[in-house]
Protein backbone atom coordinates (compact mmCIF):
# COMPACT_ATOMS: atom_id res chain seq x y z
CA MET A 1 -36.59 -9.47 -8.96
CA LEU A 2 -35.40 -5.91 -8.41
CA LYS A 3 -37.55 -4.69 -11.32
CA ASP A 4 -40.58 -5.20 -9.06
CA ARG A 5 -39.11 -2.87 -6.42
CA PRO A 6 -37.83 0.31 -8.08
CA LEU A 7 -36.78 2.01 -4.83
CA ILE A 8 -34.60 -0.93 -3.74
CA ARG A 9 -33.13 -1.16 -7.25
CA LYS A 10 -32.31 2.55 -7.27
CA ILE A 11 -30.68 2.32 -3.83
CA TYR A 12 -28.68 -0.72 -4.98
CA LEU A 13 -27.48 1.00 -8.17
CA TYR A 14 -26.46 4.21 -6.42
CA LEU A 15 -24.82 2.34 -3.54
CA PHE A 16 -22.68 0.21 -5.82
CA SER A 17 -21.84 3.21 -7.99
CA PHE A 18 -20.68 4.98 -4.86
CA VAL A 19 -18.64 1.96 -3.70
CA GLY A 20 -16.98 1.73 -7.13
CA LEU A 21 -16.20 5.45 -7.15
CA LEU A 22 -14.84 5.22 -3.62
CA LEU A 23 -12.51 2.38 -4.61
CA ILE A 24 -11.25 4.40 -7.58
CA VAL A 25 -10.63 7.49 -5.44
CA ILE A 26 -8.85 5.56 -2.68
CA GLY A 27 -6.69 3.72 -5.23
CA LEU A 28 -5.74 6.96 -6.96
CA VAL A 29 -4.99 8.71 -3.67
CA ARG A 30 -2.70 5.86 -2.65
CA LEU A 31 -0.91 5.94 -6.02
CA VAL A 32 -0.39 9.71 -5.78
CA ASP A 33 0.87 9.25 -2.21
CA LEU A 34 3.30 6.60 -3.41
CA GLY A 35 4.50 8.84 -6.24
CA LEU A 36 5.07 11.72 -3.85
CA LYS A 37 7.06 9.50 -1.49
CA VAL A 38 9.20 8.09 -4.29
CA TYR A 39 9.96 11.29 -6.20
CA ILE A 40 9.47 14.27 -3.87
CA PHE A 41 9.39 13.33 -0.18
CA LYS A 42 12.04 10.64 -0.32
CA LYS A 43 12.62 10.46 3.42
CA ALA A 44 8.92 9.82 4.15
CA ASP A 45 9.45 6.18 3.23
CA THR A 46 12.57 5.58 5.30
CA PHE A 47 12.74 3.35 8.34
CA VAL A 48 15.01 4.41 11.16
CA PHE A 49 17.19 1.79 12.80
CA TYR A 50 18.16 2.82 16.28
CA PRO A 51 21.86 2.40 16.92
CA THR A 52 22.69 -0.78 18.71
CA THR A 53 25.98 -2.19 19.76
CA PRO A 54 26.03 -5.63 18.27
CA SER A 55 27.90 -8.26 20.21
CA ARG A 56 28.51 -11.96 20.03
CA LEU A 57 29.26 -14.79 22.40
CA ASP A 58 32.64 -16.44 22.64
CA LYS A 59 33.26 -20.14 23.28
CA ASN A 60 32.75 -19.71 27.02
CA GLY A 61 29.41 -17.92 26.60
CA ASN A 62 30.79 -14.48 27.46
CA THR A 63 29.65 -11.40 25.56
CA VAL A 64 32.36 -9.93 23.34
CA ASP A 65 32.20 -6.67 21.40
CA ILE A 66 32.49 -7.11 17.68
CA THR A 67 35.29 -5.73 15.53
CA GLU A 68 35.03 -2.62 13.35
CA GLU A 69 34.84 -4.86 10.29
CA GLU A 70 31.89 -6.75 11.79
CA LYS A 71 30.22 -3.45 12.73
CA ALA A 72 30.55 -2.23 9.13
CA LYS A 73 29.11 -5.51 7.87
CA PHE A 74 26.22 -5.23 10.33
CA GLN A 75 25.54 -1.65 9.17
CA LYS A 76 25.51 -2.71 5.51
CA GLU A 77 23.12 -5.55 6.31
CA GLN A 78 20.78 -3.12 8.07
CA GLU A 79 20.85 -0.75 5.09
CA ALA A 80 20.18 -3.60 2.67
CA THR A 81 17.28 -4.78 4.80
CA GLN A 82 15.88 -1.26 4.91
CA PHE A 83 16.12 -0.95 1.12
CA GLN A 84 14.39 -4.30 0.59
CA GLN A 85 11.65 -3.43 3.06
CA THR A 86 11.03 -0.06 1.42
CA GLU A 87 10.84 -1.65 -2.04
CA SER A 88 8.51 -4.33 -0.74
CA ASN A 89 6.21 -1.75 0.85
CA ARG A 90 6.13 0.32 -2.33
CA GLN A 91 5.26 -2.67 -4.47
CA ARG A 92 2.55 -3.76 -2.02
CA THR A 93 1.02 -0.27 -2.02
CA ALA A 94 1.13 -0.07 -5.81
CA SER A 95 -0.45 -3.49 -6.31
CA ASN A 96 -3.22 -2.79 -3.77
CA SER A 97 -3.95 0.59 -5.34
CA ILE A 98 -4.08 -0.76 -8.87
CA ALA A 99 -6.32 -3.61 -7.72
CA MET A 100 -8.72 -1.09 -6.16
CA ILE A 101 -8.86 0.88 -9.39
CA LEU A 102 -9.30 -2.25 -11.54
CA ILE A 103 -12.19 -3.45 -9.36
CA GLY A 104 -13.74 -0.06 -8.72
CA ALA A 105 -13.77 1.24 -12.31
CA PRO A 106 -15.97 -1.47 -13.86
CA LEU A 107 -18.17 -1.52 -10.75
CA PHE A 108 -18.75 2.21 -10.97
CA PHE A 109 -19.12 2.52 -14.73
CA TYR A 110 -21.49 -0.43 -15.09
CA HIS A 111 -23.84 0.75 -12.37
CA TRP A 112 -23.61 4.41 -13.39
CA ARG A 113 -24.39 3.52 -17.01
CA THR A 114 -27.36 1.48 -15.84
CA ILE A 115 -28.62 4.45 -13.82
CA GLY A 116 -28.22 6.69 -16.87
CA LYS A 117 -30.16 4.29 -19.10
CA GLU A 118 -33.00 4.02 -16.61
CA ASN A 119 -33.25 7.78 -16.12
CA SER A 120 -33.36 8.63 -19.84
């Protein structure tokens, strides 16, 4: 069908080559960004928890300050949550970036090869 319309076919091939190349570039940029955050700019990935004074309710429904032991436990829980969230975000970024590259590479190379065959 597109053989009958060479201009539309050429636009299609170049457009999809560009989309594939764009996916590859975006995926690579995101992987480089992730690598820089993990190995060089380590604080760029950190979430900041604003200090709060945790409290609890007693049997009568009154607010009671927590003990130092409970504060330390709360702090450790916040740090653990931060670590898990950072790891989760890194894995999500890596998987999205790799998916972009895996989809973009065949898309680009197939259409670019087709353009090369038609132009030679």
